[in-house]
PDB file of N, CA and C in Angstrom:
ATOM      1  N   MET A   1     132.702-210.320 119.400  1.00  0.00           N
ATOM      2  CA  MET A   1     131.862-210.196 118.215  1.00  0.00           C
ATOM      3  C   MET A   1     131.292-208.778 118.146  1.00  0.00           C
ATOM      4  N   LYS A   2     131.187-208.269 116.942  1.00  0.00           N
ATOM      5  CA  LYS A   2     130.606-206.938 116.759  1.00  0.00           C
ATOM      6  C   LYS A   2     129.121-206.981 117.036  1.00  0.00           C
ATOM      7  N   LYS A   3     128.581-205.823 117.271  1.00  0.00           N
ATOM      8  CA  LYS A   3     127.159-205.705 117.556  1.00  0.00           C
ATOM      9  C   LYS A   3     126.466-204.949 116.424  1.00  0.00           C
ATOM     10  N   GLU A   4     126.920-205.174 115.190  1.00  0.00           N
ATOM     11  CA  GLU A   4     126.375-204.433 114.069  1.00  0.00           C
ATOM     12  C   GLU A   4     125.851-205.391 113.004  1.00  0.00           C
ATOM     13  N   LEU A   5     124.717-205.028 112.425  1.00  0.00           N
ATOM     14  CA  LEU A   5     124.074-205.815 111.386  1.00  0.00           C
ATOM     15  C   LEU A   5     124.072-205.048 110.073  1.00  0.00           C
ATOM     16  N   TYR A   6     124.168-205.799 108.982  1.00  0.00           N
ATOM     17  CA  TYR A   6     123.963-205.231 107.657  1.00  0.00           C
ATOM     18  C   TYR A   6     122.545-205.612 107.250  1.00  0.00           C
ATOM     19  N   VAL A   7     121.787-204.639 106.772  1.00  0.00           N
ATOM     20  CA  VAL A   7     120.410-204.869 106.348  1.00  0.00           C
ATOM     21  C   VAL A   7     120.309-204.451 104.888  1.00  0.00           C
ATOM     22  N   GLY A   8     119.899-205.387 104.038  1.00  0.00           N
ATOM     23  CA  GLY A   8     119.820-205.110 102.612  1.00  0.00           C
ATOM     24  C   GLY A   8     118.422-205.297 102.052  1.00  0.00           C
ATOM     25  N   ASN A   9     118.269-204.898 100.810  1.00  0.00           N
ATOM     26  CA  ASN A   9     117.020-204.998 100.052  1.00  0.00           C
ATOM     27  C   ASN A   9     115.883-204.222 100.708  1.00  0.00           C
ATOM     28  N   LEU A  10     116.206-203.015 101.145  1.00  0.00           N
ATOM     29  CA  LEU A  10     115.205-202.154 101.770  1.00  0.00           C
ATOM     30  C   LEU A  10     114.514-201.282 100.733  1.00  0.00           C
ATOM     31  N   SER A  11     113.308-200.888 101.045  1.00  0.00           N
ATOM     32  CA  SER A  11     112.593-199.917 100.223  1.00  0.00           C
ATOM     33  C   SER A  11     113.367-198.599 100.280  1.00  0.00           C
ATOM     34  N   TYR A  12     113.414-197.882  99.163  1.00  0.00           N
ATOM     35  CA  TYR A  12     114.181-196.642  99.110  1.00  0.00           C
ATOM     36  C   TYR A  12     113.560-195.511  99.926  1.00  0.00           C
ATOM     37  N   ASP A  13     112.310-195.671 100.334  1.00  0.00           N
ATOM     38  CA  ASP A  13     111.692-194.635 101.162  1.00  0.00           C
ATOM     39  C   ASP A  13     111.664-195.001 102.643  1.00  0.00           C
ATOM     40  N   MET A  14     112.370-196.063 103.032  1.00  0.00           N
ATOM     41  CA  MET A  14     112.488-196.474 104.434  1.00  0.00           C
ATOM     42  C   MET A  14     113.278-195.415 105.201  1.00  0.00           C
ATOM     43  N   THR A  15     112.827-195.084 106.401  1.00  0.00           N
ATOM     44  CA  THR A  15     113.544-194.107 107.230  1.00  0.00           C
ATOM     45  C   THR A  15     114.279-194.822 108.354  1.00  0.00           C
ATOM     46  N   GLU A  16     115.201-194.111 108.980  1.00  0.00           N
ATOM     47  CA  GLU A  16     115.927-194.682 110.117  1.00  0.00           C
ATOM     48  C   GLU A  16     114.982-194.972 111.272  1.00  0.00           C
ATOM     49  N   ASP A  17     113.984-194.121 111.481  1.00  0.00           N
ATOM     50  CA  ASP A  17     112.996-194.374 112.538  1.00  0.00           C
ATOM     51  C   ASP A  17     112.186-195.635 112.252  1.00  0.00           C
ATOM     52  N   ASP A  18     111.836-195.853 110.973  1.00  0.00           N
ATOM     53  CA  ASP A  18     111.118-197.074 110.594  1.00  0.00           C
ATOM     54  C   ASP A  18     111.944-198.309 110.955  1.00  0.00           C
ATOM     55  N   LEU A  19     113.213-198.286 110.594  1.00  0.00           N
ATOM     56  CA  LEU A  19     114.090-199.431 110.881  1.00  0.00           C
ATOM     57  C   LEU A  19     114.281-199.630 112.378  1.00  0.00           C
ATOM     58  N   ARG A  20     114.413-198.552 113.095  1.00  0.00           N
ATOM     59  CA  ARG A  20     114.572-198.641 114.547  1.00  0.00           C
ATOM     60  C   ARG A  20     113.373-199.371 115.170  1.00  0.00           C
ATOM     61  N   ARG A  21     112.160-199.043 114.711  1.00  0.00           N
ATOM     62  CA  ARG A  21     110.951-199.707 115.226  1.00  0.00           C
ATOM     63  C   ARG A  21     110.926-201.190 114.860  1.00  0.00           C
ATOM     64  N   VAL A  22     111.331-201.517 113.634  1.00  0.00           N
ATOM     65  CA  VAL A  22     111.337-202.917 113.194  1.00  0.00           C
ATOM     66  C   VAL A  22     112.307-203.737 114.032  1.00  0.00           C
ATOM     67  N   PHE A  23     113.520-203.233 114.222  1.00  0.00           N
ATOM     68  CA  PHE A  23     114.548-203.999 114.934  1.00  0.00           C
ATOM     69  C   PHE A  23     114.351-203.986 116.450  1.00  0.00           C
ATOM     70  N   ALA A  24     113.530-203.116 116.961  1.00  0.00           N
ATOM     71  CA  ALA A  24     113.254-203.081 118.398  1.00  0.00           C
ATOM     72  C   ALA A  24     112.580-204.361 118.878  1.00  0.00           C
ATOM     73  N   VAL A  25     111.963-205.123 117.970  1.00  0.00           N
ATOM     74  CA  VAL A  25     111.346-206.402 118.366  1.00  0.00           C
ATOM     75  C   VAL A  25     112.407-207.399 118.827  1.00  0.00           C
ATOM     76  N   ALA A  26     113.653-207.204 118.389  1.00  0.00           N
ATOM     77  CA  ALA A  26     114.736-208.118 118.756  1.00  0.00           C
ATOM     78  C   ALA A  26     115.548-207.623 119.949  1.00  0.00           C
ATOM     79  N   GLY A  27     115.366-206.368 120.357  1.00  0.00           N
ATOM     80  CA  GLY A  27     116.129-205.844 121.485  1.00  0.00           C
ATOM     81  C   GLY A  27     116.376-204.355 121.358  1.00  0.00           C
ATOM     82  N   THR A  28     117.382-203.908 122.069  1.00  0.00           N
ATOM     83  CA  THR A  28     117.704-202.485 122.129  1.00  0.00           C
ATOM     84  C   THR A  28     118.550-202.070 120.935  1.00  0.00           C
ATOM     85  N   VAL A  29     118.028-201.166 120.134  1.00  0.00           N
ATOM     86  CA  VAL A  29     118.743-200.635 118.974  1.00  0.00           C
ATOM     87  C   VAL A  29     119.523-199.410 119.445  1.00  0.00           C
ATOM     88  N   THR A  30     120.845-199.423 119.227  1.00  0.00           N
ATOM     89  CA  THR A  30     121.659-198.291 119.664  1.00  0.00           C
ATOM     90  C   THR A  30     121.908-197.280 118.548  1.00  0.00           C
ATOM     91  N   SER A  31     121.892-197.735 117.284  1.00  0.00           N
ATOM     92  CA  SER A  31     122.017-196.791 116.170  1.00  0.00           C
ATOM     93  C   SER A  31     121.539-197.426 114.876  1.00  0.00           C
ATOM     94  N   VAL A  32     121.117-196.565 113.962  1.00  0.00           N
ATOM     95  CA  VAL A  32     120.682-196.978 112.625  1.00  0.00           C
ATOM     96  C   VAL A  32     121.300-195.998 111.638  1.00  0.00           C
ATOM     97  N   HIS A  33     121.865-196.524 110.557  1.00  0.00           N
ATOM     98  CA  HIS A  33     122.453-195.666 109.533  1.00  0.00           C
ATOM     99  C   HIS A  33     122.084-196.210 108.158  1.00  0.00           C
ATOM    100  N   ILE A  34     121.232-195.480 107.442  1.00  0.00           N
ATOM    101  CA  ILE A  34     120.874-195.856 106.077  1.00  0.00           C
ATOM    102  C   ILE A  34     121.954-195.314 105.146  1.00  0.00           C
ATOM    103  N   ILE A  35     122.434-196.153 104.239  1.00  0.00           N
ATOM    104  CA  ILE A  35     123.459-195.762 103.286  1.00  0.00           C
ATOM    105  C   ILE A  35     122.805-194.963 102.166  1.00  0.00           C
ATOM    106  N   THR A  36     123.381-193.791 101.886  1.00  0.00           N
ATOM    107  CA  THR A  36     122.829-192.911 100.853  1.00  0.00           C
ATOM    108  C   THR A  36     123.884-192.565  99.819  1.00  0.00           C
ATOM    109  N   ASP A  37     123.420-192.199  98.646  1.00  0.00           N
ATOM    110  CA  ASP A  37     124.292-191.745  97.577  1.00  0.00           C
ATOM    111  C   ASP A  37     124.881-190.399  97.975  1.00  0.00           C
ATOM    112  N   SER A  38     126.187-190.246  97.848  1.00  0.00           N
ATOM    113  CA  SER A  38     126.839-189.007  98.301  1.00  0.00           C
ATOM    114  C   SER A  38     126.451-187.792  97.466  1.00  0.00           C
ATOM    115  N   GLU A  39     126.068-188.004  96.227  1.00  0.00           N
ATOM    116  CA  GLU A  39     125.716-186.865  95.371  1.00  0.00           C
ATOM    117  C   GLU A  39     124.242-186.484  95.489  1.00  0.00           C
ATOM    118  N   THR A  40     123.356-187.488  95.510  1.00  0.00           N
ATOM    119  CA  THR A  40     121.917-187.193  95.483  1.00  0.00           C
ATOM    120  C   THR A  40     121.262-187.260  96.857  1.00  0.00           C
ATOM    121  N   GLY A  41     121.894-187.971  97.791  1.00  0.00           N
ATOM    122  CA  GLY A  41     121.297-188.156  99.107  1.00  0.00           C
ATOM    123  C   GLY A  41     120.221-189.230  99.125  1.00  0.00           C
ATOM    124  N   ALA A  42     119.981-189.877  98.001  1.00  0.00           N
ATOM    125  CA  ALA A  42     118.955-190.932  97.911  1.00  0.00           C
ATOM    126  C   ALA A  42     119.456-192.220  98.566  1.00  0.00           C
ATOM    127  N   SER A  43     118.546-192.950  99.169  1.00  0.00           N
ATOM    128  CA  SER A  43     118.878-194.220  99.799  1.00  0.00           C
ATOM    129  C   SER A  43     119.388-195.208  98.765  1.00  0.00           C
ATOM    130  N   LYS A  44     120.344-196.043  99.179  1.00  0.00           N
ATOM    131  CA  LYS A  44     120.849-197.105  98.322  1.00  0.00           C
ATOM    132  C   LYS A  44     120.167-198.435  98.640  1.00  0.00           C
ATOM    133  N   GLY A  45     119.186-198.409  99.555  1.00  0.00           N
ATOM    134  CA  GLY A  45     118.428-199.618  99.861  1.00  0.00           C
ATOM    135  C   GLY A  45     119.110-200.551 100.849  1.00  0.00           C
ATOM    136  N   CYS A  46     120.072-200.022 101.617  1.00  0.00           N
ATOM    137  CA  CYS A  46     120.726-200.836 102.631  1.00  0.00           C
ATOM    138  C   CYS A  46     121.064-199.964 103.837  1.00  0.00           C
ATOM    139  N   ALA A  47     121.352-200.629 104.953  1.00  0.00           N
ATOM    140  CA  ALA A  47     121.601-199.889 106.194  1.00  0.00           C
ATOM    141  C   ALA A  47     122.456-200.723 107.134  1.00  0.00           C
ATOM    142  N   TYR A  48     122.946-200.071 108.164  1.00  0.00           N
ATOM    143  CA  TYR A  48     123.633-200.728 109.272  1.00  0.00           C
ATOM    144  C   TYR A  48     122.849-200.435 110.537  1.00  0.00           C
ATOM    145  N   VAL A  49     122.615-201.482 111.320  1.00  0.00           N
ATOM    146  CA  VAL A  49     121.872-201.360 112.572  1.00  0.00           C
ATOM    147  C   VAL A  49     122.742-201.930 113.679  1.00  0.00           C
ATOM    148  N   ARG A  50     122.923-201.162 114.743  1.00  0.00           N
ATOM    149  CA  ARG A  50     123.682-201.638 115.907  1.00  0.00           C
ATOM    150  C   ARG A  50     122.722-201.979 117.026  1.00  0.00           C
ATOM    151  N   MET A  51     122.994-203.103 117.653  1.00  0.00           N
ATOM    152  CA  MET A  51     122.186-203.579 118.772  1.00  0.00           C
ATOM    153  C   MET A  51     123.049-203.531 120.029  1.00  0.00           C
ATOM    154  N   ALA A  52     122.398-203.475 121.191  1.00  0.00           N
ATOM    155  CA  ALA A  52     123.115-203.338 122.452  1.00  0.00           C
ATOM    156  C   ALA A  52     123.863-204.608 122.856  1.00  0.00           C
ATOM    157  N   HIS A  53     123.324-205.779 122.515  1.00  0.00           N
ATOM    158  CA  HIS A  53     123.914-207.051 122.975  1.00  0.00           C
ATOM    159  C   HIS A  53     124.002-208.051 121.833  1.00  0.00           C
ATOM    160  N   GLU A  54     124.988-208.939 121.921  1.00  0.00           N
ATOM    161  CA  GLU A  54     125.200-209.952 120.891  1.00  0.00           C
ATOM    162  C   GLU A  54     124.002-210.877 120.728  1.00  0.00           C
ATOM    163  N   ASP A  55     123.364-211.260 121.825  1.00  0.00           N
ATOM    164  CA  ASP A  55     122.211-212.162 121.716  1.00  0.00           C
ATOM    165  C   ASP A  55     121.062-211.494 120.957  1.00  0.00           C
ATOM    166  N   GLU A  56     120.999-210.167 120.995  1.00  0.00           N
ATOM    167  CA  GLU A  56     119.980-209.433 120.242  1.00  0.00           C
ATOM    168  C   GLU A  56     120.277-209.462 118.742  1.00  0.00           C
ATOM    169  N   LEU A  57     121.566-209.505 118.393  1.00  0.00           N
ATOM    170  CA  LEU A  57     121.944-209.645 116.983  1.00  0.00           C
ATOM    171  C   LEU A  57     121.406-210.954 116.428  1.00  0.00           C
ATOM    172  N   LYS A  58     121.647-212.019 117.175  1.00  0.00           N
ATOM    173  CA  LYS A  58     121.190-213.341 116.737  1.00  0.00           C
ATOM    174  C   LYS A  58     119.673-213.380 116.625  1.00  0.00           C
ATOM    175  N   GLU A  59     118.994-212.792 117.576  1.00  0.00           N
ATOM    176  CA  GLU A  59     117.533-212.734 117.549  1.00  0.00           C
ATOM    177  C   GLU A  59     117.044-211.957 116.328  1.00  0.00           C
ATOM    178  N   ALA A  60     117.688-210.844 116.031  1.00  0.00           N
ATOM    179  CA  ALA A  60     117.300-210.034 114.872  1.00  0.00           C
ATOM    180  C   ALA A  60     117.483-210.814 113.570  1.00  0.00           C
ATOM    181  N   ILE A  61     118.598-211.525 113.450  1.00  0.00           N
ATOM    182  CA  ILE A  61     118.846-212.320 112.239  1.00  0.00           C
ATOM    183  C   ILE A  61     117.806-213.422 112.106  1.00  0.00           C
ATOM    184  N   GLU A  62     117.577-214.157 113.187  1.00  0.00           N
ATOM    185  CA  GLU A  62     116.621-215.263 113.144  1.00  0.00           C
ATOM    186  C   GLU A  62     115.200-214.800 112.833  1.00  0.00           C
ATOM    187  N   SER A  63     114.804-213.677 113.395  1.00  0.00           N
ATOM    188  CA  SER A  63     113.415-213.254 113.229  1.00  0.00           C
ATOM    189  C   SER A  63     113.182-212.335 112.030  1.00  0.00           C
ATOM    190  N   LEU A  64     114.215-211.641 111.536  1.00  0.00           N
ATOM    191  CA  LEU A  64     113.984-210.639 110.500  1.00  0.00           C
ATOM    192  C   LEU A  64     114.610-210.948 109.140  1.00  0.00           C
ATOM    193  N   ASP A  65     115.617-211.827 109.080  1.00  0.00           N
ATOM    194  CA  ASP A  65     116.220-212.152 107.791  1.00  0.00           C
ATOM    195  C   ASP A  65     115.173-212.851 106.918  1.00  0.00           C
ATOM    196  N   GLY A  66     114.921-212.283 105.756  1.00  0.00           N
ATOM    197  CA  GLY A  66     113.924-212.844 104.841  1.00  0.00           C
ATOM    198  C   GLY A  66     112.501-212.375 105.110  1.00  0.00           C
ATOM    199  N   ALA A  67     112.330-211.492 106.100  1.00  0.00           N
ATOM    200  CA  ALA A  67     110.991-210.986 106.428  1.00  0.00           C
ATOM    201  C   ALA A  67     110.540-209.971 105.380  1.00  0.00           C
ATOM    202  N   LEU A  68     109.253-209.953 105.142  1.00  0.00           N
ATOM    203  CA  LEU A  68     108.674-208.994 104.209  1.00  0.00           C
ATOM    204  C   LEU A  68     108.520-207.658 104.925  1.00  0.00           C
ATOM    205  N   LEU A  69     109.169-206.637 104.393  1.00  0.00           N
ATOM    206  CA  LEU A  69     109.084-205.295 104.953  1.00  0.00           C
ATOM    207  C   LEU A  69     108.652-204.378 103.820  1.00  0.00           C
ATOM    208  N   GLY A  70     107.417-203.912 103.897  1.00  0.00           N
ATOM    209  CA  GLY A  70     106.852-203.167 102.773  1.00  0.00           C
ATOM    210  C   GLY A  70     106.616-204.147 101.639  1.00  0.00           C
ATOM    211  N   ASP A  71     107.257-203.904 100.519  1.00  0.00           N
ATOM    212  CA  ASP A  71     107.093-204.784  99.363  1.00  0.00           C
ATOM    213  C   ASP A  71     108.363-205.578  99.048  1.00  0.00           C
ATOM    214  N   ARG A  72     109.286-205.685 100.026  1.00  0.00           N
ATOM    215  CA  ARG A  72     110.565-206.357  99.787  1.00  0.00           C
ATOM    216  C   ARG A  72     110.905-207.352 100.901  1.00  0.00           C
ATOM    217  N   LEU A  73     111.634-208.387 100.517  1.00  0.00           N
ATOM    218  CA  LEU A  73     112.166-209.337 101.500  1.00  0.00           C
ATOM    219  C   LEU A  73     113.549-208.839 101.904  1.00  0.00           C
ATOM    220  N   MET A  74     113.657-208.341 103.123  1.00  0.00           N
ATOM    221  CA  MET A  74     114.948-207.784 103.540  1.00  0.00           C
ATOM    222  C   MET A  74     115.914-208.893 103.940  1.00  0.00           C
ATOM    223  N   THR A  75     117.189-208.582 103.818  1.00  0.00           N
ATOM    224  CA  THR A  75     118.238-209.485 104.264  1.00  0.00           C
ATOM    225  C   THR A  75     118.900-208.883 105.496  1.00  0.00           C
ATOM    226  N   VAL A  76     119.204-209.730 106.463  1.00  0.00           N
ATOM    227  CA  VAL A  76     119.839-209.282 107.700  1.00  0.00           C
ATOM    228  C   VAL A  76     120.989-210.231 107.996  1.00  0.00           C
ATOM    229  N   SER A  77     122.180-209.677 108.194  1.00  0.00           N
ATOM    230  CA  SER A  77     123.352-210.499 108.504  1.00  0.00           C
ATOM    231  C   SER A  77     124.326-209.689 109.357  1.00  0.00           C
ATOM    232  N   ILE A  78     125.297-210.384 109.917  1.00  0.00           N
ATOM    233  CA  ILE A  78     126.352-209.707 110.676  1.00  0.00           C
ATOM    234  C   ILE A  78     127.142-208.842 109.693  1.00  0.00           C
ATOM    235  N   ALA A  79     127.385-207.596 110.052  1.00  0.00           N
ATOM    236  CA  ALA A  79     128.145-206.686 109.189  1.00  0.00           C
ATOM    237  C   ALA A  79     129.602-207.117 109.146  1.00  0.00           C
ATOM    238  N   ARG A  80     130.164-207.112 107.953  1.00  0.00           N
ATOM    239  CA  ARG A  80     131.584-207.420 107.795  1.00  0.00           C
ATOM    240  C   ARG A  80     132.392-206.145 107.978  1.00  0.00           C
ATOM    241  N   PRO A  81     133.648-206.269 108.410  1.00  0.00           N
ATOM    242  CA  PRO A  81     134.483-205.070 108.549  1.00  0.00           C
ATOM    243  C   PRO A  81     134.644-204.378 107.199  1.00  0.00           C
ATOM    244  N   GLN A  82     134.715-203.064 107.231  1.00  0.00           N
ATOM    245  CA  GLN A  82     134.886-202.290 106.011  1.00  0.00           C
ATOM    246  C   GLN A  82     136.266-202.524 105.445  1.00  0.00           C
ATOM    247  N   LYS A  83     136.334-202.711 104.131  1.00  0.00           N
ATOM    248  CA  LYS A  83     137.625-202.897 103.474  1.00  0.00           C
ATOM    249  C   LYS A  83     138.344-201.557 103.420  1.00  0.00           C
ATOM    250  N   PRO A  84     139.655-201.558 103.628  1.00  0.00           N
ATOM    251  CA  PRO A  84     140.387-200.298 103.507  1.00  0.00           C
ATOM    252  C   PRO A  84     140.329-199.827 102.058  1.00  0.00           C
ATOM    253  N   LYS A  85     140.210-198.518 101.881  1.00  0.00           N
ATOM    254  CA  LYS A  85     140.148-197.970 100.529  1.00  0.00           C
ATOM    255  C   LYS A  85     141.528-198.022  99.900  1.00  0.00           C
ATOM    256  N   GLU A  86     141.543-198.377  98.605  1.00  0.00           N
ATOM    257  CA  GLU A  86     142.814-198.405  97.888  1.00  0.00           C
ATOM    258  C   GLU A  86     143.253-196.992  97.584  1.00  0.00           C
ATOM    259  N   GLN A  87     144.542-196.768  97.702  1.00  0.00           N
ATOM    260  CA  GLN A  87     145.074-195.460  97.337  1.00  0.00           C
ATOM    261  C   GLN A  87     145.225-195.429  95.824  1.00  0.00           C
ATOM    262  N   THR A  88     144.818-194.342  95.231  1.00  0.00           N
ATOM    263  CA  THR A  88     145.010-194.183  93.794  1.00  0.00           C
ATOM    264  C   THR A  88     145.976-193.036  93.577  1.00  0.00           C
ATOM    265  N   PHE A  89     146.799-193.200  92.587  1.00  0.00           N
ATOM    266  CA  PHE A  89     147.789-192.185  92.272  1.00  0.00           C
ATOM    267  C   PHE A  89     147.396-191.536  90.958  1.00  0.00           C
ATOM    268  N   LYS A  90     147.376-190.230  90.950  1.00  0.00           N
ATOM    269  CA  LYS A  90     147.032-189.498  89.735  1.00  0.00           C
ATOM    270  C   LYS A  90     148.234-189.492  88.808  1.00  0.00           C
ATOM    271  N   GLY A  91     147.954-189.305  87.554  1.00  0.00           N
ATOM    272  CA  GLY A  91     149.063-189.167  86.619  1.00  0.00           C
ATOM    273  C   GLY A  91     149.017-190.189  85.514  1.00  0.00           C
ATOM    274  N   ASN A  92     149.999-191.048  85.453  1.00  0.00           N
ATOM    275  CA  ASN A  92     150.240-191.938  84.333  1.00  0.00           C
ATOM    276  C   ASN A  92     149.459-193.243  84.450  1.00  0.00           C
ATOM    277  N   ARG A  93     148.199-193.187  84.867  1.00  0.00           N
ATOM    278  CA  ARG A  93     147.408-194.409  85.027  1.00  0.00           C
ATOM    279  C   ARG A  93     147.061-195.014  83.673  1.00  0.00           C
ATOM    280  N   GLY A  94     147.301-196.308  83.554  1.00  0.00           N
ATOM    281  CA  GLY A  94     146.872-197.033  82.378  1.00  0.00           C
ATOM    282  C   GLY A  94     147.674-196.765  81.115  1.00  0.00           C
ATOM    283  N   LYS A  95     148.690-195.945  81.194  1.00  0.00           N
ATOM    284  CA  LYS A  95     149.490-195.644  80.001  1.00  0.00           C
ATOM    285  C   LYS A  95     150.746-196.500  80.032  1.00  0.00           C
ATOM    286  N   SER A  96     151.118-196.988  78.874  1.00  0.00           N
ATOM    287  CA  SER A  96     152.326-197.805  78.825  1.00  0.00           C
ATOM    288  C   SER A  96     153.555-196.915  78.724  1.00  0.00           C
ATOM    289  N   GLY A  97     154.705-197.519  78.884  1.00  0.00           N
ATOM    290  CA  GLY A  97     155.945-196.764  78.752  1.00  0.00           C
ATOM    291  C   GLY A  97     156.638-196.561  80.077  1.00  0.00           C
ATOM    292  N   GLY A  98     155.908-196.703  81.164  1.00  0.00           N
ATOM    293  CA  GLY A  98     156.531-196.581  82.470  1.00  0.00           C
ATOM    294  C   GLY A  98     157.291-197.843  82.781  1.00  0.00           C
ATOM    295  N   GLY A  99     157.690-197.988  83.942  1.00  0.00           N
ATOM    296  CA  GLY A  99     158.346-199.240  84.294  1.00  0.00           C
ATOM    297  C   GLY A  99     159.451-199.031  85.292  1.00  0.00           C
ATOM    298  N   GLY A 100     159.968-197.852  85.349  1.00  0.00           N
ATOM    299  CA  GLY A 100     161.002-197.580  86.327  1.00  0.00           C
ATOM    300  C   GLY A 100     160.396-197.245  87.669  1.00  0.00           C
ATOM    301  N   ARG A 101     161.241-196.967  88.593  1.00  0.00           N
ATOM    302  CA  ARG A 101     160.793-196.682  89.948  1.00  0.00           C
ATOM    303  C   ARG A 101     159.893-195.462  90.006  1.00  0.00           C
ATOM    304  N   PHE A 102     160.161-194.454  89.212  1.00  0.00           N
ATOM    305  CA  PHE A 102     159.369-193.238  89.231  1.00  0.00           C
ATOM    306  C   PHE A 102     158.688-193.018  87.889  1.00  0.00           C
ATOM    307  N   GLY A 103     158.307-194.115  87.230  1.00  0.00           N
ATOM    308  CA  GLY A 103     157.615-194.014  85.969  1.00  0.00           C
ATOM    309  C   GLY A 103     158.543-193.712  84.793  1.00  0.00           C
ATOM    310  N   GLN A 104     159.841-193.904  84.984  1.00  0.00           N
ATOM    311  CA  GLN A 104     160.795-193.634  83.922  1.00  0.00           C
ATOM    312  C   GLN A 104     160.901-194.877  83.035  1.00  0.00           C
ATOM    313  N   GLY A 105     160.867-194.679  81.756  1.00  0.00           N
ATOM    314  CA  GLY A 105     160.987-195.787  80.823  1.00  0.00           C
ATOM    315  C   GLY A 105     162.420-196.242  80.686  1.00  0.00           C
ATOM    316  N   ARG A 106     162.599-197.278  79.879  1.00  0.00           N
ATOM    317  CA  ARG A 106     163.961-197.783  79.632  1.00  0.00           C
ATOM    318  C   ARG A 106     164.726-196.831  78.727  1.00  0.00           C
ATOM    319  N   LYS A 107     166.021-196.829  78.889  1.00  0.00           N
ATOM    320  CA  LYS A 107     166.881-195.980  78.041  1.00  0.00           C
ATOM    321  C   LYS A 107     167.711-196.822  77.132  1.00  0.00           C
TER     322      LYS A 107
END
């Protein structure tokens, strides 16, 4: 089992140090990563927290899921594996007329 948690519904001004202190009640926190917007750097209100041991994950979920943190009820769950990104091809997207192996129409 992974040792990573997904934490949602966080205040946008929450820091990684703040989260580290909150999750320390459940055990040893090995890393915290707040998800931010790539353009603005602003928090998206969610994070990933890694714990040292699996039993600490369960403790964190039981004690912190639904807990009031600041002015929000945070959600805590086991992090799901990241989905692979779809490859996109530039060019003839969404245009009709293609159909052949290399986008060649019928003759």
